[in-house]
Amino acid sequence: MKTSAFLYPWDVVGDPDAAARVADLGVQQVTLAAAYHSTRALTPRHPARRIVTAEHAAVLYPPDAGRWAGRELRPYAQAWVDSDDAYAEAAEALAGAGLDVHSWVVLAHNSRLGAEHPDTSVVNAYGDRYPWAPCIAQPAVRAYLVDLAAEAAVRGGAAGTELESCGWYGFAHLHAHDKIAGVGLGDAAQYLMSLCFCPDCRAGYGSQGVDAGELAQAVRRALEPVWSGPGAPEAGWDGVEKLLGADLAAATLGWRTQVARGLQESVVAAVRAAAPSGFQVLLHADPAPYRSGANVGVDPEHVLSVADGVVLPCSGGDGARETVLGPFAGRGGVIAANLTVVRGMGGSPGTLERDAAHAASLGANQLRLYHAGLASGPDLEAVAEALSRLGR
């Protein structure tokens, strides 16, 4: 199976050995970040540094001044990699080592955007804003994300792109010293906490025949036992319906699905319009339509009618892989199983060969490895050994 490793430009820029080291793993491709959210990352093998602090969401290339002139919402430039064009410099080195390069673009996850333009953020049923989560129902946000995708995806030398967070982001942030584990939230409560009540979404619920004020009250009532009770968290869409009621749950999902599909269709169309023929477009996705986050909830049939394929979260046990890959089986397109290979981040490089074979038996036809820049030396050795055996 074709295998790609995720990488940041700062893993390569300033390290003359980085590209060859990645190629020696046995991968054929690198998925290289072109637009990314804020993060603090190790660079364990870099000759000049050990930590990169990306202070805010940014593009890793010089944004086109003409495209963004006069626009309130625009991408932020990076200042933590000493390069005029960190993406291009890294991509050139990787291509020189014989690797295909695809861009990696994070869209609806941007804390600085929410801090500087708070009205763009998701607003929960309690009135709390999520500055890391731009509301994709807002026309200005959608226009910004569509143009960002077209610009960030189609970089020089890239043969394709992988779009992360191309849909709803919500309650889960996975950054900024999260202190939210005091109450155990199942994914049903996570969904309710991710519903947006900005003016555009309030109008959207109205289009589904639901009064937004009454819906917000219903969400708060449904969550009250979660805050005070010791019961097991509700899970799955059945759990959402149990908490909120089937009719209200269906109305919220109807609105969110309509918005997310519209964004995905517009984004992919814009990328293809800007890209050369044969440019591959994949979406990071989850087959549970109500999910939000980096791997956005999708309907498999719809997403494969829009994009060339999907990248699916496949770390964890066999059951987790079966749940994620099963709905895509036999549908065609690129089905890339994303496996974490960093032990310190819960990955299992030692079982990569077995996990990859299991994913392939469920219909996966490509692999993604998260993350070649963050992994330790022993992690990378385990990856190289597994890929050498898989390639026999």
Protein backbone atom coordinates (compact mmCIF):
# COMPACT_ATOMS: atom_id res chain seq x y z
CA MET A 1 0.00 0.00 0.00
CA LYS A 2 1.13 3.52 -0.69
CA THR A 3 2.23 5.05 2.60
CA SER A 4 2.61 8.71 3.54
CA ALA A 5 4.09 10.21 6.69
CA PHE A 6 2.87 13.48 8.15
CA LEU A 7 5.52 16.14 8.60
CA TYR A 8 5.90 19.82 9.48
CA PRO A 9 8.16 22.07 7.40
CA TRP A 10 10.20 22.84 10.52
CA ASP A 11 11.13 19.16 10.74
CA VAL A 12 13.02 19.60 7.45
CA VAL A 13 14.14 23.22 7.17
CA GLY A 14 17.63 23.52 8.66
CA ASP A 15 18.20 19.76 8.83
CA PRO A 16 20.06 18.52 5.73
CA ASP A 17 19.51 14.87 6.71
CA ALA A 18 15.76 15.04 7.35
CA ALA A 19 14.47 14.25 3.87
CA ALA A 20 16.71 11.22 3.38
CA ARG A 21 15.84 9.97 6.87
CA VAL A 22 12.14 10.07 6.05
CA ALA A 23 12.67 8.37 2.67
CA ASP A 24 14.65 5.61 4.42
CA LEU A 25 11.55 4.72 6.44
CA GLY A 26 10.10 3.15 3.30
CA VAL A 27 7.29 5.67 2.72
CA GLN A 28 6.57 6.93 -0.78
CA GLN A 29 4.95 10.24 0.18
CA VAL A 30 5.02 13.01 2.76
CA THR A 31 1.90 14.93 3.77
CA LEU A 32 3.44 18.30 4.57
CA ALA A 33 1.71 21.00 6.60
CA ALA A 34 0.93 24.13 4.58
CA ALA A 35 -1.65 25.66 6.96
CA TYR A 36 -1.73 24.53 10.57
CA HIS A 37 -3.16 25.42 13.96
CA SER A 38 -1.14 26.57 16.97
CA THR A 39 1.02 23.89 18.53
CA ARG A 40 4.13 23.15 20.56
CA ALA A 41 6.16 20.42 18.90
CA LEU A 42 9.31 18.47 19.54
CA THR A 43 12.01 18.26 16.88
CA PRO A 44 14.02 15.41 18.46
CA ARG A 45 16.54 14.99 15.62
CA HIS A 46 16.98 18.56 14.41
CA PRO A 47 20.62 19.75 14.58
CA ALA A 48 19.72 23.23 15.86
CA ARG A 49 16.57 22.98 18.01
CA ARG A 50 14.38 20.72 20.13
CA ILE A 51 11.12 22.69 20.41
CA VAL A 52 9.07 24.70 17.97
CA THR A 53 6.30 26.86 19.39
CA ALA A 54 3.81 27.78 16.69
CA GLU A 55 2.07 30.55 18.60
CA HIS A 56 -1.03 30.77 16.43
CA ALA A 57 -2.69 29.21 13.43
CA ALA A 58 -0.71 30.18 10.37
CA VAL A 59 0.22 29.38 6.80
CA LEU A 60 3.73 28.02 6.29
CA TYR A 61 4.28 29.94 3.05
CA PRO A 62 3.96 33.64 2.08
CA PRO A 63 0.22 34.31 1.60
CA ASP A 64 -0.81 36.00 -1.63
CA ALA A 65 -1.18 39.69 -0.78
CA GLY A 66 -3.43 40.29 -3.77
CA ARG A 67 -5.86 37.56 -2.83
CA TRP A 68 -6.31 38.89 0.69
CA ALA A 69 -6.09 42.65 0.14
CA GLY A 70 -8.87 44.53 1.93
CA ARG A 71 -10.34 41.40 3.55
CA GLU A 72 -11.03 41.31 7.27
CA LEU A 73 -10.53 37.55 7.54
CA ARG A 74 -7.19 36.50 6.18
CA PRO A 75 -4.49 33.92 7.00
CA TYR A 76 -1.71 34.74 9.43
CA ALA A 77 1.92 34.32 8.42
CA GLN A 78 4.26 32.19 10.52
CA ALA A 79 7.31 33.62 12.30
CA TRP A 80 8.88 30.55 13.95
CA VAL A 81 10.69 28.95 11.01
CA ASP A 82 13.64 30.90 9.62
CA SER A 83 12.67 30.70 5.98
CA ASP A 84 11.03 32.96 3.43
CA ASP A 85 8.86 30.00 2.34
CA ALA A 86 9.15 27.14 4.80
CA TYR A 87 6.71 24.92 2.92
CA ALA A 88 8.49 25.31 -0.42
CA GLU A 89 11.93 24.80 1.10
CA ALA A 90 10.85 21.60 2.85
CA ALA A 91 8.92 20.32 -0.17
CA GLU A 92 11.92 20.79 -2.44
CA ALA A 93 14.18 18.83 -0.09
CA LEU A 94 11.65 16.00 0.23
CA ALA A 95 11.12 15.79 -3.53
CA GLY A 96 14.89 15.70 -3.94
CA ALA A 97 14.91 12.56 -1.79
CA GLY A 98 12.46 10.91 -4.18
CA LEU A 99 9.31 11.49 -2.16
CA ASP A 100 5.93 12.63 -3.46
CA VAL A 101 4.66 15.67 -1.57
CA HIS A 102 1.03 16.43 -0.77
CA SER A 103 -0.06 19.48 1.21
CA TRP A 104 -1.75 19.21 4.60
CA VAL A 105 -4.26 21.98 5.25
CA VAL A 106 -6.10 22.62 8.52
CA LEU A 107 -9.20 24.73 7.92
CA ALA A 108 -11.86 25.33 10.64
CA HIS A 109 -9.53 25.37 13.65
CA ASN A 110 -7.99 28.74 14.41
CA SER A 111 -7.76 30.25 17.89
CA ARG A 112 -6.24 33.54 16.77
CA LEU A 113 -9.06 34.10 14.30
CA GLY A 114 -11.58 33.68 17.12
CA ALA A 115 -9.62 35.90 19.48
CA GLU A 116 -9.37 38.77 16.99
CA HIS A 117 -12.81 38.24 15.44
CA PRO A 118 -14.96 36.76 18.21
CA ASP A 119 -18.18 37.01 16.20
CA THR A 120 -16.82 34.29 13.88
CA SER A 121 -16.75 31.66 16.64
CA VAL A 122 -19.09 28.82 17.51
CA VAL A 123 -21.36 29.83 20.44
CA ASN A 124 -22.72 27.02 22.62
CA ALA A 125 -26.16 26.77 24.24
CA TYR A 126 -24.87 28.58 27.34
CA GLY A 127 -23.54 31.55 25.35
CA ASP A 128 -19.88 30.53 25.66
CA ARG A 129 -17.73 31.19 22.61
CA TYR A 130 -15.20 28.70 21.26
CA PRO A 131 -12.50 30.92 19.76
CA TRP A 132 -10.69 27.88 18.33
CA ALA A 133 -13.78 26.88 16.31
CA PRO A 134 -14.92 29.23 13.52
CA CYS A 135 -18.60 28.74 12.68
CA ILE A 136 -18.74 27.37 9.15
CA ALA A 137 -22.36 28.51 8.74
CA GLN A 138 -21.27 32.14 8.56
CA PRO A 139 -20.82 33.39 4.97
CA ALA A 140 -17.65 35.35 5.77
CA VAL A 141 -16.07 32.32 7.44
CA ARG A 142 -17.00 30.06 4.54
CA ALA A 143 -15.54 32.50 2.01
CA TYR A 144 -12.31 32.70 4.01
CA LEU A 145 -11.99 28.92 4.33
CA VAL A 146 -12.69 28.29 0.65
CA ASP A 147 -9.99 30.74 -0.45
CA LEU A 148 -7.57 29.51 2.21
CA ALA A 149 -8.03 25.95 0.98
CA ALA A 150 -7.38 26.89 -2.65
CA GLU A 151 -4.25 28.82 -1.76
CA ALA A 152 -2.76 26.51 0.87
CA ALA A 153 -3.53 23.25 -0.91
CA VAL A 154 -2.11 24.09 -4.32
CA ARG A 155 1.53 24.79 -3.54
CA GLY A 156 4.40 24.35 -5.96
CA GLY A 157 5.37 20.70 -6.31
CA ALA A 158 2.34 19.34 -4.48
CA ALA A 159 0.57 16.48 -6.27
CA GLY A 160 -2.42 16.54 -3.97
CA THR A 161 -3.78 17.74 -0.67
CA GLU A 162 -5.33 16.47 2.54
CA LEU A 163 -7.89 18.76 4.13
CA GLU A 164 -8.33 18.51 7.89
CA SER A 165 -11.16 20.15 9.85
CA CYS A 166 -13.14 20.72 6.65
CA GLY A 167 -16.43 20.89 8.51
CA TRP A 168 -17.67 21.59 12.02
CA TYR A 169 -15.26 22.06 14.88
CA GLY A 170 -16.75 22.06 18.35
CA PHE A 171 -16.23 21.56 22.06
CA ALA A 172 -13.04 19.48 21.91
CA HIS A 173 -9.96 21.61 21.39
CA LEU A 174 -7.00 19.34 22.22
CA HIS A 175 -4.78 22.30 23.00
CA ALA A 176 -4.31 25.25 25.36
CA HIS A 177 -3.82 23.21 28.55
CA ASP A 178 -7.26 21.65 28.42
CA LYS A 179 -8.88 21.25 31.84
CA ILE A 180 -12.16 19.66 30.80
CA ALA A 181 -11.78 16.10 32.05
CA GLY A 182 -13.39 16.70 35.46
CA VAL A 183 -16.76 15.58 34.11
CA GLY A 184 -16.85 12.55 31.87
CA LEU A 185 -18.57 13.57 28.65
CA GLY A 186 -19.59 10.89 26.19
CA ASP A 187 -19.72 11.77 22.54
CA ALA A 188 -23.44 12.48 22.85
CA ALA A 189 -22.80 15.28 25.34
CA GLN A 190 -19.85 16.39 23.22
CA TYR A 191 -22.26 16.81 20.32
CA LEU A 192 -24.67 18.92 22.37
CA MET A 193 -21.79 21.05 23.63
CA SER A 194 -20.67 21.54 20.02
CA LEU A 195 -23.99 22.88 18.70
CA CYS A 196 -23.63 26.48 17.61
CA PHE A 197 -26.12 29.25 18.48
CA CYS A 198 -24.60 32.19 16.61
CA PRO A 199 -27.16 34.27 14.65
CA ASP A 200 -26.58 32.31 11.44
CA CYS A 201 -27.10 28.98 13.16
CA ARG A 202 -30.16 30.24 15.00
CA ALA A 203 -31.66 31.14 11.64
CA GLY A 204 -30.56 27.76 10.33
CA TYR A 205 -32.43 25.89 13.04
CA GLY A 206 -35.45 27.97 12.13
CA SER A 207 -35.18 26.67 8.57
CA GLN A 208 -35.50 23.20 10.08
CA GLY A 209 -38.72 24.21 11.85
CA VAL A 210 -37.12 24.63 15.28
CA ASP A 211 -37.12 27.72 17.50
CA ALA A 212 -33.47 28.35 18.40
CA GLY A 213 -34.26 29.70 21.87
CA GLU A 214 -36.31 26.65 22.73
CA LEU A 215 -33.60 24.41 21.31
CA ALA A 216 -30.94 26.05 23.48
CA GLN A 217 -33.13 25.54 26.55
CA ALA A 218 -33.62 21.89 25.58
CA VAL A 219 -29.86 21.41 25.21
CA ARG A 220 -29.21 22.91 28.64
CA ARG A 221 -31.91 20.71 30.20
CA ALA A 222 -30.50 17.64 28.50
CA LEU A 223 -27.01 18.39 29.80
CA GLU A 224 -28.02 19.09 33.39
CA PRO A 225 -27.77 15.43 34.47
CA VAL A 226 -24.35 15.24 32.83
CA TRP A 227 -23.00 17.97 35.12
CA SER A 228 -24.53 16.61 38.30
CA GLY A 229 -24.98 12.87 37.87
CA PRO A 230 -22.62 9.95 38.29
CA GLY A 231 -24.14 7.92 35.47
CA ALA A 232 -22.23 6.50 32.52
CA PRO A 233 -21.88 8.98 29.63
CA GLU A 234 -24.27 8.52 26.73
CA ALA A 235 -22.61 7.43 23.51
CA GLY A 236 -23.44 7.39 19.81
CA TRP A 237 -26.32 8.95 17.94
CA ASP A 238 -28.75 6.93 20.04
CA GLY A 239 -27.30 8.76 23.03
CA VAL A 240 -27.89 12.14 21.39
CA GLU A 241 -31.51 11.22 20.74
CA LYS A 242 -31.91 10.01 24.31
CA LEU A 243 -30.59 13.29 25.70
CA LEU A 244 -32.29 15.71 23.32
CA GLY A 245 -35.17 13.80 21.79
CA ALA A 246 -35.27 12.32 18.29
CA ASP A 247 -37.01 15.25 16.58
CA LEU A 248 -34.74 17.99 17.91
CA ALA A 249 -31.67 15.83 17.35
CA ALA A 250 -32.67 15.27 13.72
CA ALA A 251 -33.25 19.00 13.18
CA THR A 252 -29.81 19.93 14.50
CA LEU A 253 -28.11 17.28 12.41
CA GLY A 254 -30.07 18.31 9.33
CA TRP A 255 -28.81 21.88 9.61
CA ARG A 256 -25.23 20.91 10.40
CA THR A 257 -25.07 18.34 7.60
CA GLN A 258 -26.40 20.87 5.08
CA VAL A 259 -23.77 23.42 6.10
CA ALA A 260 -20.86 20.97 6.22
CA ARG A 261 -21.67 19.47 2.83
CA GLY A 262 -21.91 22.92 1.29
CA LEU A 263 -18.50 23.86 2.67
CA GLN A 264 -16.89 20.62 1.51
CA GLU A 265 -18.32 20.94 -1.98
CA SER A 266 -17.18 24.57 -2.27
CA VAL A 267 -13.72 23.89 -0.87
CA VAL A 268 -13.03 20.92 -3.14
CA ALA A 269 -14.32 22.80 -6.18
CA ALA A 270 -12.06 25.77 -5.39
CA VAL A 271 -9.02 23.54 -4.91
CA ARG A 272 -9.65 21.73 -8.17
CA ALA A 273 -10.15 25.00 -10.03
CA ALA A 274 -6.73 26.18 -8.81
CA ALA A 275 -4.91 22.87 -9.26
CA PRO A 276 -3.39 21.12 -12.25
CA SER A 277 -5.09 18.09 -13.76
CA GLY A 278 -4.79 14.95 -11.65
CA PHE A 279 -4.39 16.82 -8.36
CA GLN A 280 -5.69 14.53 -5.60
CA VAL A 281 -8.04 15.90 -2.90
CA LEU A 282 -8.64 13.90 0.29
CA LEU A 283 -10.65 14.85 3.38
CA HIS A 284 -9.88 13.81 6.96
CA ALA A 285 -13.17 12.28 7.97
CA ASP A 286 -15.24 10.12 10.30
CA PRO A 287 -18.27 8.10 9.09
CA ALA A 288 -20.41 9.22 12.05
CA PRO A 289 -22.08 12.35 10.57
CA TYR A 290 -22.64 14.00 13.96
CA ARG A 291 -18.93 14.11 14.85
CA SER A 292 -16.95 17.34 14.77
CA GLY A 293 -13.26 18.10 15.01
CA ALA A 294 -10.18 17.35 12.96
CA ASN A 295 -11.87 14.29 11.41
CA VAL A 296 -15.24 15.75 10.47
CA GLY A 297 -18.40 13.68 10.40
CA VAL A 298 -19.46 12.77 6.87
CA ASP A 299 -21.79 10.56 4.91
CA PRO A 300 -19.48 8.13 3.06
CA GLU A 301 -21.47 8.17 -0.18
CA HIS A 302 -21.58 11.95 -0.29
CA VAL A 303 -17.97 12.63 0.61
CA LEU A 304 -16.69 10.16 -1.99
CA SER A 305 -18.85 11.88 -4.61
CA VAL A 306 -17.08 15.15 -3.76
CA ALA A 307 -13.46 14.25 -2.98
CA ASP A 308 -11.05 11.62 -4.31
CA GLY A 309 -11.02 9.86 -0.97
CA VAL A 310 -10.69 10.11 2.77
CA VAL A 311 -8.15 9.81 5.55
CA LEU A 312 -9.69 7.95 8.49
CA PRO A 313 -8.56 7.69 12.15
CA CYS A 314 -7.58 4.02 12.52
CA SER A 315 -5.47 3.88 15.67
CA GLY A 316 -6.78 1.77 18.53
CA GLY A 317 -8.11 -1.75 18.53
CA ASP A 318 -9.67 -3.85 15.82
CA GLY A 319 -13.17 -2.76 16.79
CA ALA A 320 -12.34 0.91 16.33
CA ARG A 321 -10.93 0.26 12.86
CA GLU A 322 -13.93 -1.83 11.89
CA THR A 323 -16.29 0.95 12.95
CA VAL A 324 -14.45 3.60 10.95
CA LEU A 325 -13.53 1.65 7.83
CA GLY A 326 -16.66 -0.49 7.51
CA PRO A 327 -18.96 2.21 6.07
CA PHE A 328 -16.42 2.94 3.31
CA ALA A 329 -15.84 -0.66 2.24
CA GLY A 330 -16.37 -1.26 -1.47
CA ARG A 331 -17.15 2.36 -2.29
CA GLY A 332 -14.00 3.09 -4.31
CA GLY A 333 -11.66 6.05 -4.04
CA VAL A 334 -8.68 6.45 -1.77
CA ILE A 335 -9.35 5.01 1.69
CA ALA A 336 -6.30 5.93 3.78
CA ALA A 337 -5.96 4.43 7.25
CA ASN A 338 -4.28 6.92 9.59
CA LEU A 339 -2.23 5.15 12.26
CA THR A 340 -0.42 6.96 15.08
CA VAL A 341 3.16 5.69 15.37
CA VAL A 342 4.32 7.88 18.27
CA ARG A 343 4.30 5.83 21.48
CA GLY A 344 4.23 8.93 23.64
CA MET A 345 1.00 10.01 21.93
CA GLY A 346 -0.74 6.68 22.36
CA GLY A 347 0.53 5.16 19.12
CA SER A 348 1.74 1.64 18.56
CA PRO A 349 4.59 1.47 16.04
CA GLY A 350 5.41 -2.03 17.25
CA THR A 351 2.10 -3.35 15.88
CA LEU A 352 2.16 -1.32 12.66
CA GLU A 353 2.54 -4.34 10.39
CA ARG A 354 -0.39 -6.13 11.97
CA ASP A 355 -2.57 -3.01 12.22
CA ALA A 356 -1.91 -2.08 8.59
CA ALA A 357 -2.80 -5.58 7.43
CA HIS A 358 -6.01 -5.44 9.44
CA ALA A 359 -6.91 -2.05 7.93
CA ALA A 360 -6.23 -3.45 4.45
CA SER A 361 -8.54 -6.40 5.12
CA LEU A 362 -11.28 -3.85 5.88
CA GLY A 363 -10.81 -1.97 2.62
CA ALA A 364 -8.03 0.54 3.30
CA ASN A 365 -5.84 0.98 0.23
CA GLN A 366 -3.34 3.52 1.59
CA LEU A 367 -1.64 4.26 4.91
CA ARG A 368 -0.93 7.51 6.74
CA LEU A 369 1.57 7.59 9.60
CA TYR A 370 1.26 10.23 12.30
CA HIS A 371 3.89 11.65 12.71
CA ALA A 372 7.43 11.22 11.36
CA GLY A 373 8.72 14.46 12.88
CA LEU A 374 7.38 13.82 16.38
CA ALA A 375 8.35 10.16 16.71
CA SER A 376 11.35 8.99 18.71
CA GLY A 377 14.27 7.16 17.15
CA PRO A 378 13.02 3.74 18.34
CA ASP A 379 9.54 4.56 17.01
CA LEU A 380 10.98 5.29 13.57
CA GLU A 381 13.07 2.13 13.64
CA ALA A 382 9.91 0.12 14.34
CA VAL A 383 8.15 1.90 11.45
CA ALA A 384 10.98 1.16 9.02
CA GLU A 385 11.03 -2.51 10.02
CA ALA A 386 7.26 -2.84 9.65
CA LEU A 387 7.19 -1.13 6.25
CA SER A 388 10.04 -3.28 4.97
CA ARG A 389 8.07 -6.42 5.86
CA LEU A 390 4.83 -5.02 4.40
CA GLY A 391 6.64 -4.28 1.15
CA ARG A 392 7.85 -7.84 0.63
